Structures are given as structure tokens and as C-alpha cells.
Amino acid sequence: MSSVNVSEAVPSSRNFTLVGATYGLYGLGLFMLWPTLFGLVIAYVKRDDVPPLLSSHYRWLINTFWWWLVVWSVIIAAMLVVIIPNAIEIESAVHSGQYFNIPWELIGAGTLGGLALVVVWLWVFYRLVRGALRLSDGREAP
């Protein structure tokens, strides 16, 4: 019969609490930017100092942040490619005293871009809930 070192099998509650707080910071980050950045710093600093179970959660959070940032940046850039030229055209029409119409491209870019941002927000929310539930069950992050 082999003996299992309990300190290796079960991480300390302090480490569990810190990972949970990091999930909480990311959750606040769904509404504000700064808590997510604080959570990202904690995840980078602590990921090598904790047992593999908790390290997997820090990796999960780090990956979530970078995918979130990349996808949001692509969506915003795509929206701006459509919105900026149309906004310049509308501004010049207003200054020349002409009537102007809001082009359908502008409405479509705003609508589709907004929907895409909501989908990404929901994806991040899903990842945070899934990771937090796995943490509360004492399982590694997916």
C-alpha cells in the first residue's frame, strides 16, 4: 500500500481562496477592466507556485484573458473599419448643411459588432462559471 502525502494531494485553503478571488476579479472584469488586469497579474505570479490542480485554473484564466482580448480587438477593429469612413461622410454632410442618411452598413456594423461582443461576453462568463465550479469540486480546470 502506498502512502499519499496529504500536502501534495490537497492544496491549502489559502491557495484555493486566492484562485477563487482571481475568478472573482475576472467576474468583476466583465463589467470593468481593472479587476481583470489585477487577476491576470495574480494568475501569472502564482501559476508556478501552486500545485498542478490550482495551476491548471491559473492557466485557464490566463488563456481566457488573452482569447478575450484578441477576439474583442478583432471585433472592434472590424467595426471601426466600417464606422469611421461613414462617420466622416456624415460629418461632412452635416457641415455642408445637407441632409444625411445613416447608411445601412453603419447600422449593420453596429448591430453585428454589438451582437458579437455580447457573444464573447457570454463565452467568458461561461468559462468563468465552468472554471469556478470545477475549482469548488476540487477538480482541474478543463
N, C-alpha and C. Protein backbone atom coordinates (compact mmCIF):
# COMPACT_ATOMS: atom_id res chain seq x y z
N MET A 1 0.85 -1.18 0.00
CA MET A 1 0.00 0.00 0.00
C MET A 1 0.89 1.24 0.00
N SER A 2 0.64 2.16 -0.89
CA SER A 2 1.46 3.37 -0.96
C SER A 2 0.84 4.46 -0.12
N SER A 3 1.70 5.26 0.43
CA SER A 3 1.20 6.37 1.24
C SER A 3 1.15 7.63 0.38
N VAL A 4 0.13 8.38 0.56
CA VAL A 4 -0.05 9.62 -0.18
C VAL A 4 0.22 10.78 0.76
N ASN A 5 1.07 11.67 0.31
CA ASN A 5 1.36 12.85 1.11
C ASN A 5 0.17 13.80 0.98
N VAL A 6 -0.50 14.07 2.05
CA VAL A 6 -1.71 14.89 2.03
C VAL A 6 -1.41 16.30 1.56
N SER A 7 -0.24 16.83 1.88
CA SER A 7 0.07 18.20 1.47
C SER A 7 0.19 18.32 -0.04
N GLU A 8 0.54 17.20 -0.74
CA GLU A 8 0.60 17.23 -2.20
C GLU A 8 -0.77 16.99 -2.82
N ALA A 9 -1.58 16.18 -2.16
CA ALA A 9 -2.87 15.81 -2.73
C ALA A 9 -3.89 16.94 -2.64
N VAL A 10 -3.90 17.64 -1.53
CA VAL A 10 -4.90 18.69 -1.33
C VAL A 10 -4.18 20.02 -1.11
N PRO A 11 -4.35 20.96 -2.03
CA PRO A 11 -3.73 22.27 -1.84
C PRO A 11 -4.31 22.97 -0.61
N SER A 12 -3.55 23.91 -0.08
CA SER A 12 -4.01 24.62 1.11
C SER A 12 -5.24 25.47 0.79
N SER A 13 -6.03 25.70 1.81
CA SER A 13 -7.25 26.50 1.61
C SER A 13 -6.89 27.93 1.22
N ARG A 14 -5.74 28.39 1.65
CA ARG A 14 -5.29 29.74 1.29
C ARG A 14 -5.10 29.84 -0.23
N ASN A 15 -4.48 28.81 -0.81
CA ASN A 15 -4.29 28.82 -2.26
C ASN A 15 -5.62 28.70 -3.00
N PHE A 16 -6.52 27.87 -2.48
CA PHE A 16 -7.86 27.76 -3.07
C PHE A 16 -8.56 29.12 -3.03
N THR A 17 -8.44 29.80 -1.90
CA THR A 17 -9.09 31.10 -1.74
C THR A 17 -8.54 32.11 -2.74
N LEU A 18 -7.23 32.09 -2.95
CA LEU A 18 -6.63 33.04 -3.89
C LEU A 18 -7.10 32.76 -5.32
N VAL A 19 -7.20 31.50 -5.69
CA VAL A 19 -7.71 31.19 -7.04
C VAL A 19 -9.16 31.63 -7.15
N GLY A 20 -9.95 31.38 -6.11
CA GLY A 20 -11.35 31.82 -6.11
C GLY A 20 -11.46 33.33 -6.21
N ALA A 21 -10.58 34.04 -5.51
CA ALA A 21 -10.59 35.51 -5.59
C ALA A 21 -10.21 35.96 -6.99
N THR A 22 -9.31 35.22 -7.64
CA THR A 22 -8.92 35.57 -9.00
C THR A 22 -10.10 35.37 -9.95
N TYR A 23 -10.85 34.30 -9.77
CA TYR A 23 -12.08 34.13 -10.55
C TYR A 23 -13.03 35.30 -10.29
N GLY A 24 -13.12 35.73 -9.04
CA GLY A 24 -13.98 36.86 -8.69
C GLY A 24 -13.54 38.14 -9.38
N LEU A 25 -12.22 38.37 -9.43
CA LEU A 25 -11.71 39.56 -10.12
C LEU A 25 -12.06 39.52 -11.61
N TYR A 26 -11.92 38.35 -12.21
CA TYR A 26 -12.30 38.21 -13.61
C TYR A 26 -13.80 38.47 -13.78
N GLY A 27 -14.60 37.98 -12.84
CA GLY A 27 -16.04 38.22 -12.90
C GLY A 27 -16.36 39.70 -12.85
N LEU A 28 -15.69 40.43 -11.97
CA LEU A 28 -15.86 41.89 -11.94
C LEU A 28 -15.37 42.51 -13.24
N GLY A 29 -14.36 41.89 -13.82
CA GLY A 29 -13.81 42.38 -15.08
C GLY A 29 -14.78 42.29 -16.25
N LEU A 30 -15.85 41.53 -16.08
CA LEU A 30 -16.88 41.53 -17.13
C LEU A 30 -17.57 42.88 -17.22
N PHE A 31 -17.47 43.67 -16.16
CA PHE A 31 -18.13 44.98 -16.11
C PHE A 31 -17.14 46.14 -16.08
N MET A 32 -15.90 45.88 -15.64
CA MET A 32 -14.85 46.90 -15.59
C MET A 32 -13.53 46.23 -16.00
N LEU A 33 -12.59 46.99 -16.48
CA LEU A 33 -11.34 46.41 -16.97
C LEU A 33 -10.36 46.08 -15.85
N TRP A 34 -10.18 46.96 -14.90
CA TRP A 34 -9.09 46.86 -13.93
C TRP A 34 -9.09 45.57 -13.11
N PRO A 35 -10.19 45.09 -12.61
CA PRO A 35 -10.12 43.85 -11.83
C PRO A 35 -9.56 42.68 -12.63
N THR A 36 -9.87 42.62 -13.91
CA THR A 36 -9.34 41.54 -14.73
C THR A 36 -7.83 41.64 -14.84
N LEU A 37 -7.32 42.85 -14.97
CA LEU A 37 -5.86 43.01 -15.06
C LEU A 37 -5.19 42.61 -13.75
N PHE A 38 -5.80 42.94 -12.62
CA PHE A 38 -5.26 42.50 -11.33
C PHE A 38 -5.29 40.98 -11.24
N GLY A 39 -6.38 40.38 -11.68
CA GLY A 39 -6.49 38.92 -11.69
C GLY A 39 -5.45 38.28 -12.60
N LEU A 40 -5.19 38.91 -13.74
CA LEU A 40 -4.18 38.39 -14.67
C LEU A 40 -2.80 38.41 -14.03
N VAL A 41 -2.48 39.49 -13.34
CA VAL A 41 -1.18 39.58 -12.66
C VAL A 41 -1.06 38.49 -11.60
N ILE A 42 -2.10 38.30 -10.81
CA ILE A 42 -2.09 37.24 -9.80
C ILE A 42 -1.89 35.88 -10.46
N ALA A 43 -2.60 35.63 -11.55
CA ALA A 43 -2.50 34.34 -12.24
C ALA A 43 -1.09 34.10 -12.75
N TYR A 44 -0.46 35.12 -13.33
CA TYR A 44 0.91 34.95 -13.83
C TYR A 44 1.90 34.73 -12.69
N VAL A 45 1.73 35.46 -11.60
CA VAL A 45 2.68 35.37 -10.48
C VAL A 45 2.54 34.03 -9.76
N LYS A 46 1.33 33.55 -9.56
CA LYS A 46 1.10 32.38 -8.72
C LYS A 46 1.07 31.05 -9.47
N ARG A 47 1.00 31.05 -10.78
CA ARG A 47 0.77 29.80 -11.51
C ARG A 47 1.85 28.74 -11.29
N ASP A 48 3.09 29.14 -11.03
CA ASP A 48 4.17 28.17 -10.82
C ASP A 48 4.39 27.85 -9.35
N ASP A 49 3.74 28.58 -8.45
CA ASP A 49 3.95 28.40 -7.01
C ASP A 49 2.89 27.53 -6.35
N VAL A 50 1.99 26.97 -7.12
CA VAL A 50 0.88 26.20 -6.54
C VAL A 50 0.88 24.79 -7.12
N PRO A 51 0.17 23.87 -6.48
CA PRO A 51 0.07 22.50 -7.02
C PRO A 51 -0.60 22.49 -8.40
N PRO A 52 -0.41 21.40 -9.15
CA PRO A 52 -0.95 21.33 -10.52
C PRO A 52 -2.45 21.58 -10.63
N LEU A 53 -3.20 21.16 -9.62
CA LEU A 53 -4.65 21.39 -9.64
C LEU A 53 -4.96 22.87 -9.77
N LEU A 54 -4.33 23.68 -8.96
CA LEU A 54 -4.59 25.12 -8.98
C LEU A 54 -3.88 25.80 -10.13
N SER A 55 -2.72 25.27 -10.51
CA SER A 55 -2.00 25.83 -11.65
C SER A 55 -2.85 25.73 -12.92
N SER A 56 -3.62 24.64 -13.05
CA SER A 56 -4.48 24.49 -14.23
C SER A 56 -5.53 25.60 -14.27
N HIS A 57 -6.01 26.02 -13.11
CA HIS A 57 -7.00 27.10 -13.07
C HIS A 57 -6.37 28.43 -13.46
N TYR A 58 -5.15 28.66 -13.01
CA TYR A 58 -4.47 29.90 -13.41
C TYR A 58 -4.23 29.90 -14.92
N ARG A 59 -3.82 28.76 -15.48
CA ARG A 59 -3.63 28.69 -16.94
C ARG A 59 -4.96 28.94 -17.66
N TRP A 60 -6.04 28.38 -17.13
CA TRP A 60 -7.38 28.56 -17.69
C TRP A 60 -7.74 30.05 -17.72
N LEU A 61 -7.46 30.74 -16.62
CA LEU A 61 -7.78 32.17 -16.54
C LEU A 61 -6.89 32.99 -17.47
N ILE A 62 -5.61 32.64 -17.55
CA ILE A 62 -4.70 33.37 -18.45
C ILE A 62 -5.14 33.19 -19.90
N ASN A 63 -5.44 31.95 -20.29
CA ASN A 63 -5.91 31.71 -21.66
C ASN A 63 -7.22 32.43 -21.95
N THR A 64 -8.11 32.43 -20.97
CA THR A 64 -9.38 33.14 -21.14
C THR A 64 -9.13 34.61 -21.41
N PHE A 65 -8.24 35.22 -20.62
CA PHE A 65 -7.96 36.65 -20.80
C PHE A 65 -7.44 36.93 -22.21
N TRP A 66 -6.44 36.19 -22.67
CA TRP A 66 -5.82 36.51 -23.96
C TRP A 66 -6.76 36.25 -25.13
N TRP A 67 -7.54 35.17 -25.08
CA TRP A 67 -8.52 34.95 -26.15
C TRP A 67 -9.58 36.05 -26.14
N TRP A 68 -10.01 36.43 -24.95
CA TRP A 68 -10.99 37.51 -24.80
C TRP A 68 -10.46 38.78 -25.44
N LEU A 69 -9.23 39.14 -25.11
CA LEU A 69 -8.64 40.37 -25.63
C LEU A 69 -8.49 40.32 -27.15
N VAL A 70 -8.01 39.21 -27.68
CA VAL A 70 -7.80 39.11 -29.12
C VAL A 70 -9.13 39.19 -29.88
N VAL A 71 -10.12 38.44 -29.43
CA VAL A 71 -11.40 38.43 -30.15
C VAL A 71 -12.08 39.79 -30.06
N TRP A 72 -12.06 40.41 -28.88
CA TRP A 72 -12.66 41.75 -28.76
C TRP A 72 -11.94 42.75 -29.66
N SER A 73 -10.62 42.66 -29.72
CA SER A 73 -9.85 43.59 -30.56
C SER A 73 -10.21 43.42 -32.03
N VAL A 74 -10.34 42.19 -32.48
CA VAL A 74 -10.71 41.93 -33.88
C VAL A 74 -12.10 42.49 -34.17
N ILE A 75 -13.04 42.26 -33.27
CA ILE A 75 -14.41 42.74 -33.48
C ILE A 75 -14.44 44.27 -33.51
N ILE A 76 -13.78 44.91 -32.56
CA ILE A 76 -13.75 46.38 -32.51
C ILE A 76 -13.08 46.93 -33.77
N ALA A 77 -11.97 46.33 -34.19
CA ALA A 77 -11.28 46.80 -35.40
C ALA A 77 -12.18 46.67 -36.63
N ALA A 78 -12.88 45.55 -36.74
CA ALA A 78 -13.79 45.36 -37.88
C ALA A 78 -14.91 46.39 -37.86
N MET A 79 -15.42 46.69 -36.68
CA MET A 79 -16.48 47.71 -36.58
C MET A 79 -15.94 49.08 -36.98
N LEU A 80 -14.74 49.40 -36.52
CA LEU A 80 -14.18 50.72 -36.81
C LEU A 80 -13.88 50.90 -38.30
N VAL A 81 -13.50 49.81 -38.98
CA VAL A 81 -13.24 49.89 -40.42
C VAL A 81 -14.49 50.36 -41.15
N VAL A 82 -15.65 49.98 -40.68
CA VAL A 82 -16.90 50.39 -41.32
C VAL A 82 -17.39 51.72 -40.76
N ILE A 83 -17.28 51.91 -39.46
CA ILE A 83 -17.87 53.08 -38.81
C ILE A 83 -17.13 54.37 -39.12
N ILE A 84 -15.80 54.36 -39.10
CA ILE A 84 -15.04 55.61 -39.26
C ILE A 84 -15.30 56.27 -40.62
N PRO A 85 -15.19 55.56 -41.75
CA PRO A 85 -15.47 56.25 -43.03
C PRO A 85 -16.89 56.80 -43.11
N ASN A 86 -17.86 56.05 -42.59
CA ASN A 86 -19.24 56.53 -42.61
C ASN A 86 -19.42 57.73 -41.69
N ALA A 87 -18.76 57.73 -40.56
CA ALA A 87 -18.86 58.87 -39.64
C ALA A 87 -18.25 60.12 -40.27
N ILE A 88 -17.17 59.96 -41.00
CA ILE A 88 -16.55 61.10 -41.68
C ILE A 88 -17.49 61.64 -42.76
N GLU A 89 -18.13 60.76 -43.49
CA GLU A 89 -19.08 61.17 -44.53
C GLU A 89 -20.27 61.90 -43.91
N ILE A 90 -20.79 61.41 -42.81
CA ILE A 90 -21.91 62.06 -42.13
C ILE A 90 -21.49 63.43 -41.62
N GLU A 91 -20.30 63.50 -41.05
CA GLU A 91 -19.81 64.78 -40.51
C GLU A 91 -19.66 65.83 -41.61
N SER A 92 -19.15 65.43 -42.77
CA SER A 92 -19.00 66.40 -43.86
C SER A 92 -20.37 66.82 -44.41
N ALA A 93 -21.34 65.92 -44.42
CA ALA A 93 -22.68 66.27 -44.87
C ALA A 93 -23.33 67.26 -43.90
N VAL A 94 -23.12 67.09 -42.63
CA VAL A 94 -23.69 67.99 -41.63
C VAL A 94 -23.07 69.38 -41.77
N HIS A 95 -21.76 69.45 -41.96
CA HIS A 95 -21.09 70.75 -42.07
C HIS A 95 -21.47 71.49 -43.35
N SER A 96 -21.81 70.77 -44.40
CA SER A 96 -22.20 71.44 -45.64
C SER A 96 -23.69 71.78 -45.66
N GLY A 97 -24.40 71.45 -44.60
CA GLY A 97 -25.81 71.80 -44.49
C GLY A 97 -26.74 70.86 -45.22
N GLN A 98 -26.24 69.74 -45.67
CA GLN A 98 -27.07 68.79 -46.39
C GLN A 98 -27.76 67.84 -45.41
N TYR A 99 -28.84 67.27 -45.90
CA TYR A 99 -29.46 66.20 -45.13
C TYR A 99 -28.57 64.98 -45.26
N PHE A 100 -28.61 64.19 -44.26
CA PHE A 100 -27.80 62.97 -44.35
C PHE A 100 -28.64 61.77 -43.93
N ASN A 101 -28.28 60.67 -44.46
CA ASN A 101 -28.91 59.39 -44.09
C ASN A 101 -27.85 58.54 -43.40
N ILE A 102 -28.30 57.80 -42.43
CA ILE A 102 -27.37 56.85 -41.81
C ILE A 102 -27.35 55.61 -42.70
N PRO A 103 -26.18 55.28 -43.24
CA PRO A 103 -26.11 54.14 -44.16
C PRO A 103 -26.38 52.81 -43.45
N TRP A 104 -26.92 51.86 -44.22
CA TRP A 104 -27.21 50.55 -43.66
C TRP A 104 -25.95 49.83 -43.22
N GLU A 105 -24.83 50.11 -43.88
CA GLU A 105 -23.57 49.49 -43.46
C GLU A 105 -23.22 49.87 -42.03
N LEU A 106 -23.49 51.12 -41.70
CA LEU A 106 -23.21 51.61 -40.35
C LEU A 106 -24.12 50.93 -39.33
N ILE A 107 -25.38 50.83 -39.66
CA ILE A 107 -26.34 50.16 -38.76
C ILE A 107 -25.98 48.68 -38.63
N GLY A 108 -25.64 48.05 -39.73
CA GLY A 108 -25.26 46.63 -39.70
C GLY A 108 -24.00 46.38 -38.91
N ALA A 109 -23.00 47.25 -39.10
CA ALA A 109 -21.74 47.08 -38.36
C ALA A 109 -21.97 47.24 -36.87
N GLY A 110 -22.77 48.22 -36.50
CA GLY A 110 -23.05 48.41 -35.08
C GLY A 110 -23.83 47.25 -34.49
N THR A 111 -24.81 46.77 -35.23
CA THR A 111 -25.64 45.67 -34.73
C THR A 111 -24.86 44.36 -34.66
N LEU A 112 -24.21 43.99 -35.76
CA LEU A 112 -23.46 42.73 -35.76
C LEU A 112 -22.28 42.78 -34.80
N GLY A 113 -21.60 43.91 -34.77
CA GLY A 113 -20.48 44.04 -33.83
C GLY A 113 -20.95 43.96 -32.39
N GLY A 114 -22.06 44.61 -32.10
CA GLY A 114 -22.61 44.56 -30.74
C GLY A 114 -23.02 43.15 -30.36
N LEU A 115 -23.66 42.44 -31.28
CA LEU A 115 -24.05 41.05 -31.01
C LEU A 115 -22.82 40.16 -30.81
N ALA A 116 -21.79 40.38 -31.62
CA ALA A 116 -20.56 39.59 -31.47
C ALA A 116 -19.91 39.85 -30.11
N LEU A 117 -19.92 41.10 -29.67
CA LEU A 117 -19.35 41.42 -28.35
C LEU A 117 -20.15 40.76 -27.24
N VAL A 118 -21.46 40.71 -27.39
CA VAL A 118 -22.30 40.03 -26.38
C VAL A 118 -21.99 38.53 -26.36
N VAL A 119 -21.81 37.93 -27.53
CA VAL A 119 -21.48 36.50 -27.58
C VAL A 119 -20.14 36.24 -26.89
N VAL A 120 -19.16 37.08 -27.13
CA VAL A 120 -17.86 36.91 -26.47
C VAL A 120 -18.00 37.09 -24.97
N TRP A 121 -18.78 38.06 -24.54
CA TRP A 121 -19.01 38.28 -23.10
C TRP A 121 -19.63 37.04 -22.48
N LEU A 122 -20.62 36.46 -23.15
CA LEU A 122 -21.26 35.24 -22.64
C LEU A 122 -20.29 34.07 -22.61
N TRP A 123 -19.40 33.99 -23.59
CA TRP A 123 -18.39 32.93 -23.62
C TRP A 123 -17.45 33.07 -22.43
N VAL A 124 -17.01 34.28 -22.14
CA VAL A 124 -16.13 34.50 -20.99
C VAL A 124 -16.88 34.16 -19.70
N PHE A 125 -18.13 34.58 -19.59
CA PHE A 125 -18.93 34.26 -18.41
C PHE A 125 -19.03 32.74 -18.23
N TYR A 126 -19.29 32.03 -19.31
CA TYR A 126 -19.36 30.56 -19.27
C TYR A 126 -18.05 29.97 -18.78
N ARG A 127 -16.92 30.45 -19.31
CA ARG A 127 -15.62 29.91 -18.89
C ARG A 127 -15.36 30.18 -17.42
N LEU A 128 -15.75 31.35 -16.95
CA LEU A 128 -15.54 31.66 -15.53
C LEU A 128 -16.40 30.78 -14.64
N VAL A 129 -17.64 30.60 -15.00
CA VAL A 129 -18.53 29.75 -14.20
C VAL A 129 -18.04 28.30 -14.23
N ARG A 130 -17.69 27.83 -15.41
CA ARG A 130 -17.22 26.44 -15.53
C ARG A 130 -15.95 26.22 -14.71
N GLY A 131 -15.01 27.14 -14.80
CA GLY A 131 -13.77 27.00 -14.03
C GLY A 131 -14.02 27.09 -12.53
N ALA A 132 -14.86 28.03 -12.11
CA ALA A 132 -15.15 28.19 -10.68
C ALA A 132 -15.86 26.96 -10.12
N LEU A 133 -16.76 26.37 -10.89
CA LEU A 133 -17.44 25.16 -10.43
C LEU A 133 -16.47 23.99 -10.32
N ARG A 134 -15.56 23.88 -11.26
CA ARG A 134 -14.56 22.81 -11.18
C ARG A 134 -13.63 23.05 -9.99
N LEU A 135 -13.30 24.30 -9.72
CA LEU A 135 -12.47 24.61 -8.55
C LEU A 135 -13.20 24.22 -7.27
N SER A 136 -14.47 24.55 -7.19
CA SER A 136 -15.23 24.23 -5.97
C SER A 136 -15.38 22.72 -5.78
N ASP A 137 -15.31 21.95 -6.88
CA ASP A 137 -15.35 20.49 -6.78
C ASP A 137 -13.97 19.89 -6.55
N GLY A 138 -12.93 20.73 -6.55
CA GLY A 138 -11.57 20.24 -6.35
C GLY A 138 -11.00 19.53 -7.56
N ARG A 139 -11.49 19.91 -8.76
CA ARG A 139 -11.00 19.30 -9.99
C ARG A 139 -10.19 20.31 -10.78
N GLU A 140 -9.33 19.78 -11.65
CA GLU A 140 -8.53 20.66 -12.50
C GLU A 140 -9.43 21.38 -13.50
N ALA A 141 -8.95 22.52 -13.94
CA ALA A 141 -9.67 23.27 -14.98
C ALA A 141 -9.60 22.47 -16.27
N PRO A 142 -10.60 22.61 -17.12
CA PRO A 142 -10.61 21.86 -18.40
C PRO A 142 -9.42 22.21 -19.28
